[in-house]
Amino acid sequence: MTRVIYRPSLYNDMVALNNVVNSLVDNTPAIPVKNGNGAAHSVKLNVYEDKDSYYVLAVLPGLEADKIELSVKENVLTISGDYDYGQWPVLSRSGNGQPEVLSLLSEAGKGKFHRQIKLSARLEADKIEALYENGLLKLTLPKAETAKVKRIAVQSITNS
């Protein structure tokens, strides 16, 4: 008979704490959502900016594109979705109903995730481009015309 021993994962708690501390420092809040196994999901991002646009790279391994939800409200980008790997390995049960497979480490659990990032400029929501390939979500978020820096020519007036 195989006994199931519950081992709380300090690693998962430390990852969640690290994400929260990072969000306080870089003002891009990570919202880890714990699933039933105690695993937390947080989207890893790289964010870049030039004079016309923001560029966001989100690492979302193992997801289908239709499982990713994107929204923009004013200058806040929200990325959310749901990891569902199915049941693997198939957990057979012993005569007393206990699983015969012992989970030793669970970092890639199932569950929903949600990440928001507040950008400093308003966005042109209708012009946002989203490409997803090999677990990488690449977003181009054009800045609204009102958010772009405009150069104003100064004319000289001569008194004659």
N, C-alpha and C. Protein backbone atom coordinates (compact mmCIF):
# COMPACT_ATOMS: atom_id res chain seq x y z
N MET A 1 0.84 -1.18 0.00
CA MET A 1 0.00 0.00 0.00
C MET A 1 0.88 1.24 0.00
N THR A 2 0.61 2.16 -0.90
CA THR A 2 1.34 3.42 -1.00
C THR A 2 0.64 4.48 -0.20
N ARG A 3 1.39 5.15 0.65
CA ARG A 3 0.82 6.22 1.45
C ARG A 3 1.06 7.56 0.76
N VAL A 4 0.08 8.42 0.80
CA VAL A 4 0.20 9.76 0.24
C VAL A 4 0.60 10.68 1.38
N ILE A 5 1.70 11.35 1.19
CA ILE A 5 2.18 12.28 2.21
C ILE A 5 2.05 13.68 1.63
N TYR A 6 1.35 14.54 2.36
CA TYR A 6 1.19 15.92 1.90
C TYR A 6 2.42 16.70 2.32
N ARG A 7 3.05 17.32 1.35
CA ARG A 7 4.20 18.16 1.63
C ARG A 7 3.90 19.56 1.11
N PRO A 8 3.66 20.53 1.97
CA PRO A 8 3.41 21.88 1.46
C PRO A 8 4.65 22.37 0.73
N SER A 9 4.45 23.02 -0.37
CA SER A 9 5.57 23.47 -1.19
C SER A 9 5.99 24.88 -0.80
N LEU A 10 7.09 24.98 -0.10
CA LEU A 10 7.64 26.28 0.26
C LEU A 10 8.07 27.02 -1.00
N TYR A 11 8.53 26.28 -2.01
CA TYR A 11 8.95 26.90 -3.26
C TYR A 11 7.82 27.70 -3.89
N ASN A 12 6.62 27.13 -3.99
CA ASN A 12 5.48 27.85 -4.60
C ASN A 12 5.15 29.12 -3.83
N ASP A 13 5.21 29.05 -2.51
CA ASP A 13 4.93 30.23 -1.70
C ASP A 13 6.00 31.30 -1.91
N MET A 14 7.27 30.88 -2.05
CA MET A 14 8.35 31.83 -2.28
C MET A 14 8.23 32.48 -3.65
N VAL A 15 7.82 31.71 -4.67
CA VAL A 15 7.62 32.28 -6.01
C VAL A 15 6.52 33.33 -5.96
N ALA A 16 5.42 33.01 -5.29
CA ALA A 16 4.31 33.96 -5.18
C ALA A 16 4.75 35.23 -4.45
N LEU A 17 5.50 35.09 -3.36
CA LEU A 17 6.00 36.25 -2.61
C LEU A 17 6.95 37.07 -3.48
N ASN A 18 7.83 36.40 -4.21
CA ASN A 18 8.77 37.10 -5.10
C ASN A 18 8.02 37.92 -6.15
N ASN A 19 6.97 37.35 -6.71
CA ASN A 19 6.18 38.07 -7.72
C ASN A 19 5.52 39.31 -7.13
N VAL A 20 4.99 39.18 -5.94
CA VAL A 20 4.34 40.33 -5.29
C VAL A 20 5.36 41.42 -4.99
N VAL A 21 6.53 41.04 -4.45
CA VAL A 21 7.57 42.02 -4.14
C VAL A 21 8.04 42.71 -5.42
N ASN A 22 8.24 41.93 -6.50
CA ASN A 22 8.64 42.52 -7.78
C ASN A 22 7.60 43.50 -8.27
N SER A 23 6.34 43.18 -8.09
CA SER A 23 5.27 44.08 -8.57
C SER A 23 5.28 45.39 -7.80
N LEU A 24 5.67 45.36 -6.53
CA LEU A 24 5.75 46.60 -5.77
C LEU A 24 6.90 47.47 -6.27
N VAL A 25 7.98 46.82 -6.68
CA VAL A 25 9.16 47.54 -7.13
C VAL A 25 8.98 48.09 -8.53
N ASP A 26 8.47 47.28 -9.46
CA ASP A 26 8.41 47.74 -10.85
C ASP A 26 7.03 48.20 -11.29
N ASN A 27 6.08 48.32 -10.38
CA ASN A 27 4.74 48.84 -10.66
C ASN A 27 3.99 48.07 -11.74
N THR A 28 4.30 46.78 -11.88
CA THR A 28 3.54 45.93 -12.80
C THR A 28 2.98 44.79 -11.96
N PRO A 29 1.80 44.95 -11.41
CA PRO A 29 1.30 43.99 -10.43
C PRO A 29 1.11 42.59 -10.96
N ALA A 30 1.72 41.65 -10.28
CA ALA A 30 1.50 40.25 -10.59
C ALA A 30 0.45 39.74 -9.62
N ILE A 31 -0.55 39.04 -10.14
CA ILE A 31 -1.60 38.54 -9.28
C ILE A 31 -1.60 37.02 -9.39
N PRO A 32 -0.81 36.35 -8.55
CA PRO A 32 -0.81 34.89 -8.64
C PRO A 32 -2.12 34.33 -8.12
N VAL A 33 -2.62 33.34 -8.82
CA VAL A 33 -3.87 32.70 -8.41
C VAL A 33 -3.53 31.26 -8.05
N LYS A 34 -3.77 30.88 -6.80
CA LYS A 34 -3.46 29.51 -6.38
C LYS A 34 -4.55 28.57 -6.82
N ASN A 35 -4.12 27.40 -7.29
CA ASN A 35 -5.10 26.38 -7.66
C ASN A 35 -5.22 25.39 -6.52
N GLY A 36 -5.94 24.33 -6.74
CA GLY A 36 -6.18 23.33 -5.69
C GLY A 36 -4.92 22.65 -5.20
N ASN A 37 -3.87 22.60 -6.04
CA ASN A 37 -2.62 21.95 -5.65
C ASN A 37 -1.67 22.92 -4.94
N GLY A 38 -2.08 24.17 -4.79
CA GLY A 38 -1.22 25.14 -4.14
C GLY A 38 -0.25 25.82 -5.10
N ALA A 39 -0.27 25.45 -6.39
CA ALA A 39 0.64 26.06 -7.35
C ALA A 39 0.10 27.43 -7.76
N ALA A 40 1.00 28.36 -7.94
CA ALA A 40 0.58 29.71 -8.33
C ALA A 40 1.01 29.99 -9.77
N HIS A 41 0.17 30.70 -10.49
CA HIS A 41 0.48 31.10 -11.86
C HIS A 41 0.74 32.59 -11.88
N SER A 42 1.76 32.99 -12.57
CA SER A 42 2.02 34.39 -12.80
C SER A 42 2.66 34.52 -14.16
N VAL A 43 2.22 35.46 -14.94
CA VAL A 43 2.72 35.64 -16.28
C VAL A 43 4.03 36.42 -16.22
N LYS A 44 5.06 35.92 -16.84
CA LYS A 44 6.34 36.62 -16.92
C LYS A 44 6.29 37.55 -18.12
N LEU A 45 6.68 38.81 -17.93
CA LEU A 45 6.60 39.82 -18.98
C LEU A 45 7.93 40.53 -19.20
N ASN A 46 8.14 40.94 -20.44
CA ASN A 46 9.15 41.93 -20.79
C ASN A 46 8.36 43.06 -21.44
N VAL A 47 8.62 44.31 -21.04
CA VAL A 47 7.89 45.45 -21.59
C VAL A 47 8.92 46.46 -22.10
N TYR A 48 8.68 46.93 -23.34
CA TYR A 48 9.56 47.89 -23.98
C TYR A 48 8.71 49.07 -24.45
N GLU A 49 9.39 50.20 -24.72
CA GLU A 49 8.67 51.39 -25.18
C GLU A 49 9.54 52.16 -26.16
N ASP A 50 8.91 52.69 -27.19
CA ASP A 50 9.55 53.70 -28.02
C ASP A 50 8.59 54.88 -28.11
N LYS A 51 8.86 55.84 -28.97
CA LYS A 51 8.02 57.05 -28.98
C LYS A 51 6.60 56.78 -29.46
N ASP A 52 6.39 55.70 -30.23
CA ASP A 52 5.07 55.43 -30.81
C ASP A 52 4.28 54.31 -30.13
N SER A 53 4.96 53.36 -29.50
CA SER A 53 4.27 52.15 -29.02
C SER A 53 4.93 51.56 -27.80
N TYR A 54 4.18 50.67 -27.15
CA TYR A 54 4.71 49.76 -26.14
C TYR A 54 4.78 48.39 -26.80
N TYR A 55 5.71 47.57 -26.33
CA TYR A 55 5.85 46.21 -26.83
C TYR A 55 5.91 45.30 -25.61
N VAL A 56 5.05 44.29 -25.60
CA VAL A 56 4.97 43.39 -24.45
C VAL A 56 5.22 41.97 -24.94
N LEU A 57 6.12 41.29 -24.28
CA LEU A 57 6.39 39.87 -24.53
C LEU A 57 5.94 39.12 -23.29
N ALA A 58 4.97 38.22 -23.44
CA ALA A 58 4.47 37.42 -22.31
C ALA A 58 4.80 35.96 -22.57
N VAL A 59 5.34 35.30 -21.57
CA VAL A 59 5.71 33.88 -21.69
C VAL A 59 4.54 33.06 -21.15
N LEU A 60 3.89 32.31 -22.06
CA LEU A 60 2.71 31.52 -21.72
C LEU A 60 2.85 30.11 -22.30
N PRO A 61 3.77 29.32 -21.78
CA PRO A 61 4.00 27.99 -22.37
C PRO A 61 2.82 27.05 -22.17
N GLY A 62 2.58 26.24 -23.19
CA GLY A 62 1.58 25.18 -23.07
C GLY A 62 0.15 25.61 -23.27
N LEU A 63 -0.10 26.86 -23.66
CA LEU A 63 -1.47 27.32 -23.86
C LEU A 63 -1.81 27.36 -25.34
N GLU A 64 -3.07 27.13 -25.64
CA GLU A 64 -3.59 27.37 -26.98
C GLU A 64 -3.97 28.85 -27.04
N ALA A 65 -3.87 29.43 -28.23
CA ALA A 65 -4.17 30.86 -28.39
C ALA A 65 -5.58 31.21 -27.93
N ASP A 66 -6.54 30.28 -28.14
CA ASP A 66 -7.92 30.59 -27.76
C ASP A 66 -8.16 30.53 -26.25
N LYS A 67 -7.15 30.14 -25.47
CA LYS A 67 -7.26 30.13 -24.01
C LYS A 67 -6.71 31.41 -23.38
N ILE A 68 -6.22 32.33 -24.23
CA ILE A 68 -5.64 33.58 -23.74
C ILE A 68 -6.67 34.69 -23.94
N GLU A 69 -6.90 35.47 -22.91
CA GLU A 69 -7.83 36.59 -22.98
C GLU A 69 -7.05 37.89 -22.78
N LEU A 70 -7.24 38.83 -23.69
CA LEU A 70 -6.58 40.13 -23.62
C LEU A 70 -7.64 41.21 -23.58
N SER A 71 -7.39 42.23 -22.78
CA SER A 71 -8.28 43.39 -22.80
C SER A 71 -7.47 44.63 -22.43
N VAL A 72 -7.97 45.76 -22.90
CA VAL A 72 -7.35 47.05 -22.60
C VAL A 72 -8.46 48.00 -22.19
N LYS A 73 -8.27 48.65 -21.07
CA LYS A 73 -9.19 49.70 -20.64
C LYS A 73 -8.32 50.89 -20.26
N GLU A 74 -8.54 51.98 -21.00
CA GLU A 74 -7.71 53.18 -20.87
C GLU A 74 -6.26 52.78 -21.10
N ASN A 75 -5.40 52.83 -20.10
CA ASN A 75 -4.01 52.45 -20.32
C ASN A 75 -3.61 51.24 -19.47
N VAL A 76 -4.56 50.36 -19.19
CA VAL A 76 -4.29 49.14 -18.42
C VAL A 76 -4.49 47.92 -19.32
N LEU A 77 -3.44 47.14 -19.49
CA LEU A 77 -3.49 45.90 -20.26
C LEU A 77 -3.74 44.75 -19.29
N THR A 78 -4.69 43.88 -19.63
CA THR A 78 -4.97 42.70 -18.82
C THR A 78 -4.76 41.46 -19.68
N ILE A 79 -3.96 40.54 -19.15
CA ILE A 79 -3.72 39.24 -19.79
C ILE A 79 -4.22 38.18 -18.80
N SER A 80 -5.11 37.31 -19.25
CA SER A 80 -5.62 36.27 -18.36
C SER A 80 -5.88 35.01 -19.18
N GLY A 81 -6.10 33.93 -18.48
CA GLY A 81 -6.35 32.66 -19.14
C GLY A 81 -6.50 31.54 -18.14
N ASP A 82 -6.39 30.32 -18.64
CA ASP A 82 -6.63 29.15 -17.81
C ASP A 82 -5.74 28.01 -18.28
N TYR A 83 -4.88 27.52 -17.39
CA TYR A 83 -4.07 26.35 -17.68
C TYR A 83 -4.86 25.11 -17.32
N ASP A 84 -5.06 24.23 -18.28
CA ASP A 84 -5.75 22.96 -18.02
C ASP A 84 -5.00 21.87 -18.77
N TYR A 85 -4.15 21.16 -18.06
CA TYR A 85 -3.32 20.13 -18.67
C TYR A 85 -4.03 18.78 -18.74
N GLY A 86 -5.24 18.71 -18.21
CA GLY A 86 -5.90 17.42 -18.13
C GLY A 86 -5.31 16.60 -16.98
N GLN A 87 -5.62 15.34 -16.93
CA GLN A 87 -5.13 14.47 -15.86
C GLN A 87 -3.97 13.62 -16.40
N TRP A 88 -2.77 13.92 -15.96
CA TRP A 88 -1.61 13.12 -16.34
C TRP A 88 -0.63 13.13 -15.19
N PRO A 89 -0.08 12.02 -14.77
CA PRO A 89 -0.50 10.70 -15.22
C PRO A 89 -1.89 10.38 -14.67
N VAL A 90 -2.53 9.44 -15.31
CA VAL A 90 -3.85 9.03 -14.83
C VAL A 90 -3.64 8.38 -13.47
N LEU A 91 -4.28 8.93 -12.47
CA LEU A 91 -4.07 8.45 -11.10
C LEU A 91 -5.00 7.26 -10.83
N SER A 92 -4.39 6.09 -10.81
CA SER A 92 -5.19 4.93 -10.46
C SER A 92 -5.38 4.94 -8.94
N ARG A 93 -6.42 4.31 -8.49
CA ARG A 93 -6.74 4.29 -7.05
C ARG A 93 -6.58 2.87 -6.52
N SER A 94 -6.11 2.81 -5.31
CA SER A 94 -5.99 1.52 -4.64
C SER A 94 -7.37 1.14 -4.08
N GLY A 95 -7.45 0.01 -3.47
CA GLY A 95 -8.71 -0.49 -2.92
C GLY A 95 -9.33 0.45 -1.90
N ASN A 96 -8.50 1.23 -1.18
CA ASN A 96 -9.05 2.14 -0.17
C ASN A 96 -9.29 3.55 -0.72
N GLY A 97 -9.16 3.72 -2.04
CA GLY A 97 -9.46 5.01 -2.66
C GLY A 97 -8.30 5.99 -2.71
N GLN A 98 -7.14 5.59 -2.15
CA GLN A 98 -5.98 6.47 -2.18
C GLN A 98 -5.27 6.38 -3.54
N PRO A 99 -4.73 7.50 -4.05
CA PRO A 99 -3.99 7.43 -5.31
C PRO A 99 -2.74 6.57 -5.15
N GLU A 100 -2.39 5.85 -6.21
CA GLU A 100 -1.19 5.00 -6.17
C GLU A 100 0.04 5.75 -6.68
N VAL A 101 -0.15 6.95 -7.19
CA VAL A 101 0.96 7.77 -7.66
C VAL A 101 1.17 8.89 -6.65
N LEU A 102 2.40 9.06 -6.21
CA LEU A 102 2.73 10.08 -5.22
C LEU A 102 3.28 11.31 -5.94
N SER A 103 2.68 12.45 -5.73
CA SER A 103 3.17 13.70 -6.31
C SER A 103 4.34 14.20 -5.47
N LEU A 104 5.50 14.35 -6.09
CA LEU A 104 6.69 14.80 -5.37
C LEU A 104 6.91 16.31 -5.50
N LEU A 105 6.47 16.88 -6.62
CA LEU A 105 6.64 18.30 -6.86
C LEU A 105 5.53 18.76 -7.80
N SER A 106 4.89 19.86 -7.50
CA SER A 106 3.80 20.34 -8.34
C SER A 106 3.96 21.84 -8.57
N GLU A 107 4.71 22.22 -9.63
CA GLU A 107 4.90 23.62 -9.97
C GLU A 107 4.06 24.03 -11.18
N ALA A 108 3.63 23.07 -11.96
CA ALA A 108 2.88 23.36 -13.20
C ALA A 108 1.43 22.95 -13.02
N GLY A 109 0.82 23.48 -11.99
CA GLY A 109 -0.56 23.11 -11.71
C GLY A 109 -1.55 23.75 -12.67
N LYS A 110 -2.77 23.31 -12.57
CA LYS A 110 -3.86 23.86 -13.37
C LYS A 110 -4.38 25.11 -12.70
N GLY A 111 -5.06 25.91 -13.48
CA GLY A 111 -5.73 27.04 -12.87
C GLY A 111 -5.71 28.29 -13.71
N LYS A 112 -6.43 29.26 -13.23
CA LYS A 112 -6.55 30.54 -13.92
C LYS A 112 -5.38 31.45 -13.54
N PHE A 113 -5.05 32.34 -14.46
CA PHE A 113 -4.05 33.35 -14.17
C PHE A 113 -4.58 34.70 -14.65
N HIS A 114 -4.00 35.75 -14.10
CA HIS A 114 -4.48 37.10 -14.38
C HIS A 114 -3.31 38.05 -14.14
N ARG A 115 -2.99 38.86 -15.12
CA ARG A 115 -1.89 39.82 -14.95
C ARG A 115 -2.31 41.15 -15.56
N GLN A 116 -2.08 42.22 -14.83
CA GLN A 116 -2.39 43.55 -15.33
C GLN A 116 -1.13 44.40 -15.28
N ILE A 117 -1.02 45.27 -16.27
CA ILE A 117 0.09 46.21 -16.27
C ILE A 117 -0.47 47.58 -16.68
N LYS A 118 -0.14 48.58 -15.87
CA LYS A 118 -0.59 49.94 -16.15
C LYS A 118 0.53 50.66 -16.88
N LEU A 119 0.21 51.13 -18.07
CA LEU A 119 1.17 51.85 -18.89
C LEU A 119 0.94 53.35 -18.70
N SER A 120 1.98 54.14 -18.91
CA SER A 120 1.87 55.57 -18.59
C SER A 120 1.11 56.36 -19.64
N ALA A 121 0.93 55.81 -20.84
CA ALA A 121 0.22 56.56 -21.90
C ALA A 121 -1.04 55.81 -22.32
N ARG A 122 -2.02 56.57 -22.81
CA ARG A 122 -3.24 55.95 -23.36
C ARG A 122 -2.88 55.21 -24.64
N LEU A 123 -3.71 54.19 -24.95
CA LEU A 123 -3.43 53.31 -26.08
C LEU A 123 -4.50 53.44 -27.15
N GLU A 124 -4.12 53.12 -28.39
CA GLU A 124 -5.06 53.00 -29.50
C GLU A 124 -5.55 51.55 -29.52
N ALA A 125 -6.62 51.26 -28.81
CA ALA A 125 -7.07 49.88 -28.62
C ALA A 125 -7.38 49.18 -29.93
N ASP A 126 -7.90 49.90 -30.95
CA ASP A 126 -8.27 49.23 -32.22
C ASP A 126 -7.04 48.86 -33.04
N LYS A 127 -5.88 49.38 -32.70
CA LYS A 127 -4.67 49.11 -33.49
C LYS A 127 -3.71 48.14 -32.81
N ILE A 128 -4.10 47.56 -31.70
CA ILE A 128 -3.23 46.62 -30.98
C ILE A 128 -3.08 45.35 -31.79
N GLU A 129 -1.85 44.86 -31.88
CA GLU A 129 -1.57 43.61 -32.58
C GLU A 129 -1.10 42.58 -31.57
N ALA A 130 -1.62 41.34 -31.70
CA ALA A 130 -1.25 40.25 -30.79
C ALA A 130 -0.88 39.04 -31.63
N LEU A 131 0.35 38.56 -31.46
CA LEU A 131 0.83 37.37 -32.15
C LEU A 131 1.22 36.34 -31.10
N TYR A 132 0.86 35.08 -31.32
CA TYR A 132 1.19 34.03 -30.36
C TYR A 132 1.82 32.86 -31.11
N GLU A 133 3.03 32.50 -30.69
CA GLU A 133 3.74 31.40 -31.34
C GLU A 133 4.70 30.77 -30.33
N ASN A 134 4.68 29.44 -30.28
CA ASN A 134 5.61 28.69 -29.43
C ASN A 134 5.62 29.17 -27.98
N GLY A 135 4.45 29.50 -27.44
CA GLY A 135 4.35 29.88 -26.04
C GLY A 135 4.70 31.33 -25.75
N LEU A 136 4.97 32.12 -26.80
CA LEU A 136 5.30 33.53 -26.61
C LEU A 136 4.21 34.39 -27.20
N LEU A 137 3.66 35.28 -26.38
CA LEU A 137 2.66 36.24 -26.83
C LEU A 137 3.39 37.57 -27.03
N LYS A 138 3.31 38.09 -28.27
CA LYS A 138 3.98 39.34 -28.61
C LYS A 138 2.91 40.39 -28.93
N LEU A 139 2.89 41.45 -28.14
CA LEU A 139 1.90 42.51 -28.30
C LEU A 139 2.56 43.81 -28.72
N THR A 140 1.94 44.47 -29.68
CA THR A 140 2.33 45.82 -30.05
C THR A 140 1.15 46.71 -29.70
N LEU A 141 1.39 47.66 -28.80
CA LEU A 141 0.33 48.53 -28.28
C LEU A 141 0.64 49.97 -28.68
N PRO A 142 0.07 50.45 -29.78
CA PRO A 142 0.34 51.82 -30.21
C PRO A 142 -0.21 52.84 -29.22
N LYS A 143 0.55 53.88 -29.00
CA LYS A 143 0.11 54.96 -28.11
C LYS A 143 -0.91 55.82 -28.85
N ALA A 144 -1.85 56.36 -28.10
CA ALA A 144 -2.84 57.28 -28.67
C ALA A 144 -2.13 58.56 -29.10
N GLU A 145 -2.65 59.20 -30.12
CA GLU A 145 -2.05 60.44 -30.63
C GLU A 145 -1.91 61.47 -29.52
N THR A 146 -2.88 61.54 -28.63
CA THR A 146 -2.83 62.54 -27.56
C THR A 146 -1.72 62.24 -26.56
N ALA A 147 -1.22 60.99 -26.55
CA ALA A 147 -0.18 60.61 -25.60
C ALA A 147 1.22 60.84 -26.15
N LYS A 148 1.33 61.00 -27.46
CA LYS A 148 2.64 61.17 -28.08
C LYS A 148 3.16 62.59 -27.86
N VAL A 149 4.47 62.67 -27.72
CA VAL A 149 5.11 63.98 -27.55
C VAL A 149 5.09 64.67 -28.91
N LYS A 150 4.63 65.89 -28.91
CA LYS A 150 4.57 66.66 -30.15
C LYS A 150 5.58 67.80 -30.07
N ARG A 151 6.34 67.93 -31.12
CA ARG A 151 7.32 69.01 -31.18
C ARG A 151 6.60 70.25 -31.72
N ILE A 152 6.80 71.35 -31.06
CA ILE A 152 6.16 72.61 -31.45
C ILE A 152 7.25 73.56 -31.92
N ALA A 153 7.10 74.02 -33.13
CA ALA A 153 8.08 74.96 -33.69
C ALA A 153 7.88 76.33 -33.05
N VAL A 154 8.96 76.95 -32.71
CA VAL A 154 8.91 78.29 -32.12
C VAL A 154 9.33 79.29 -33.21
N GLN A 155 8.47 80.24 -33.47
CA GLN A 155 8.76 81.24 -34.48
C GLN A 155 9.29 82.50 -33.82
N SER A 156 10.21 83.09 -34.47
CA SER A 156 10.83 84.32 -33.96
C SER A 156 10.08 85.51 -34.54
N ILE A 157 9.77 86.47 -33.70
CA ILE A 157 9.13 87.71 -34.14
C ILE A 157 10.16 88.81 -33.98
N THR A 158 10.42 89.46 -35.07
CA THR A 158 11.39 90.54 -35.00
C THR A 158 10.64 91.87 -34.98
N ASN A 159 11.06 92.75 -34.13
CA ASN A 159 10.47 94.08 -34.05
C ASN A 159 11.26 95.03 -34.96
N SER A 160 10.63 95.58 -35.93
CA SER A 160 11.34 96.54 -36.76
C SER A 160 10.70 97.90 -36.72
